[in-house]
Amino acid sequence: MSIVATWGRPTALADGDPQSGSVAKHQMRYYVLTMYGNHDDVSIRVATLSGMMDMYVSETDKPIRGNHSTYQFFRPYTLASKSVMIRANQNSHCTNRDDRSICVYYVGIWGHSKSEFTITASSGNATT
């Protein structure tokens, strides 16, 4: 299955379910991971299949390239495999909800060139 996110609406990521994706040159593709209830560390991994891309991760809203206040994590195109680990005991873990019963993580993939990749988001609660 291949999934390409649209500009306005992010593509949903399922806990532990790898997805294929692509991004055009100088475009941003968005993904969102929604976690319910208590959950462990959250890992977001992007494996480059072709091209060059950056990965941005935010716990508040869609990350905007070049606006550092809109994302908490950044991995550059120079890394073929990009990953972010958000630890359950970090202050930034699940900060977008007061009751922490629902947590939303946004991922933006910026293409320096036309790129293909595999993206996987998972927690210790994933059933794969």
Protein backbone atom coordinates (compact mmCIF):
# COMPACT_ATOMS: atom_id res chain seq x y z
CA MET A 1 0.00 0.00 0.00
CA SER A 2 1.33 3.45 -0.89
CA ILE A 3 0.03 6.55 0.84
CA VAL A 4 0.67 10.15 -0.18
CA ALA A 5 -0.49 12.78 2.28
CA THR A 6 -2.23 15.91 1.09
CA TRP A 7 -1.35 19.46 2.08
CA GLY A 8 -4.54 20.21 3.99
CA ARG A 9 -5.24 16.94 5.75
CA PRO A 10 -2.50 14.74 7.24
CA THR A 11 -2.48 11.01 6.60
CA ALA A 12 -3.16 8.96 9.73
CA LEU A 13 -0.43 6.62 10.95
CA ALA A 14 -1.43 3.44 12.76
CA ASP A 15 0.63 2.38 15.77
CA GLY A 16 3.30 -0.04 14.51
CA ASP A 17 2.05 -0.13 10.90
CA PRO A 18 4.74 0.83 8.32
CA GLN A 19 3.52 2.84 5.33
CA SER A 20 5.12 3.73 2.03
CA GLY A 21 5.05 7.38 1.04
CA SER A 22 6.44 9.94 -1.36
CA VAL A 23 6.98 13.67 -1.49
CA ALA A 24 7.61 15.99 -4.43
CA LYS A 25 10.58 18.34 -4.64
CA HIS A 26 10.14 21.40 -2.39
CA GLN A 27 6.86 20.09 -0.94
CA MET A 28 5.83 19.05 2.57
CA ARG A 29 3.77 15.92 3.27
CA TYR A 30 2.05 15.56 6.61
CA TYR A 31 1.23 12.54 8.77
CA VAL A 32 -0.43 12.31 12.15
CA LEU A 33 -0.25 9.69 14.91
CA THR A 34 -3.04 9.72 17.50
CA MET A 35 -2.47 7.73 20.69
CA TYR A 36 -5.26 6.98 23.16
CA GLY A 37 -4.85 6.28 26.87
CA ASN A 38 -1.55 5.81 28.61
CA HIS A 39 1.24 4.80 26.26
CA ASP A 40 4.94 4.17 26.43
CA ASP A 41 7.71 5.84 24.46
CA VAL A 42 6.78 6.87 20.93
CA SER A 43 9.17 6.11 18.07
CA ILE A 44 8.84 7.68 14.62
CA ARG A 45 11.13 6.30 11.89
CA VAL A 46 11.55 7.26 8.25
CA ALA A 47 13.69 5.09 5.95
CA THR A 48 14.73 6.79 2.71
CA LEU A 49 14.18 4.65 -0.39
CA SER A 50 15.17 7.36 -2.88
CA GLY A 51 15.78 11.10 -2.92
CA MET A 52 16.60 13.54 -0.11
CA MET A 53 14.17 14.65 2.60
CA ASP A 54 14.00 16.20 6.06
CA MET A 55 11.76 14.99 8.88
CA TYR A 56 10.01 17.35 11.31
CA VAL A 57 8.04 16.16 14.34
CA SER A 58 5.69 18.25 16.48
CA GLU A 59 3.51 17.51 19.47
CA THR A 60 1.42 20.65 19.02
CA ASP A 61 0.50 21.19 15.35
CA LYS A 62 1.73 20.67 11.80
CA PRO A 63 5.43 21.56 11.65
CA ILE A 64 6.42 24.36 9.28
CA ARG A 65 9.84 24.17 7.62
CA GLY A 66 12.04 27.07 8.75
CA ASN A 67 9.80 27.97 11.71
CA HIS A 68 11.56 26.39 14.70
CA SER A 69 8.72 27.21 17.07
CA THR A 70 6.40 24.81 15.21
CA TYR A 71 8.37 21.61 15.83
CA GLN A 72 10.29 19.94 18.64
CA PHE A 73 12.37 17.46 16.61
CA PHE A 74 14.24 17.72 13.30
CA ARG A 75 16.26 15.14 11.34
CA PRO A 76 18.12 16.33 8.20
CA TYR A 77 18.29 14.83 4.72
CA THR A 78 21.90 13.76 5.35
CA LEU A 79 20.61 10.82 7.41
CA ALA A 80 19.30 7.95 5.27
CA SER A 81 17.37 6.58 8.23
CA LYS A 82 15.74 9.18 10.46
CA SER A 83 14.23 8.47 13.84
CA VAL A 84 12.80 10.34 16.79
CA MET A 85 12.16 8.78 20.19
CA ILE A 86 9.78 10.65 22.48
CA ARG A 87 10.25 9.14 25.93
CA ALA A 88 7.24 8.75 28.22
CA ASN A 89 9.12 10.50 31.03
CA GLN A 90 10.07 13.56 28.94
CA ASN A 91 8.37 16.86 29.70
CA SER A 92 7.44 17.12 26.01
CA HIS A 93 5.67 13.73 25.98
CA CYS A 94 1.98 14.19 25.25
CA THR A 95 1.96 17.91 25.99
CA ASN A 96 -0.88 18.77 23.63
CA ARG A 97 -3.65 17.48 25.90
CA ASP A 98 -4.38 18.39 29.51
CA ASP A 99 -5.65 14.96 30.51
CA ARG A 100 -3.10 13.02 28.40
CA SER A 101 -5.80 10.53 27.42
CA ILE A 102 -5.35 11.53 23.77
CA CYS A 103 -1.96 12.48 22.33
CA VAL A 104 -1.38 13.72 18.81
CA TYR A 105 2.00 13.71 17.06
CA TYR A 106 2.49 15.45 13.70
CA VAL A 107 5.19 14.50 11.19
CA GLY A 108 6.21 16.62 8.22
CA ILE A 109 8.41 15.26 5.43
CA TRP A 110 10.08 17.96 3.28
CA GLY A 111 11.46 16.90 -0.09
CA HIS A 112 14.76 18.43 -1.16
CA SER A 113 14.18 16.30 -4.23
CA LYS A 114 11.41 13.92 -5.31
CA SER A 115 11.65 11.23 -2.63
CA GLU A 116 10.20 7.89 -1.60
CA PHE A 117 10.28 6.50 1.91
CA THR A 118 8.77 4.19 4.48
CA ILE A 119 7.38 5.76 7.66
CA THR A 120 6.61 3.87 10.87
CA ALA A 121 5.29 5.30 14.13
CA SER A 122 4.97 3.06 17.15
CA SER A 123 4.71 2.91 20.90
CA GLY A 124 5.39 0.15 23.36
CA ASN A 125 1.68 -0.62 23.06
CA ALA A 126 1.75 -1.52 19.35
CA THR A 127 0.40 -4.91 18.38
CA THR A 128 2.16 -5.99 15.20
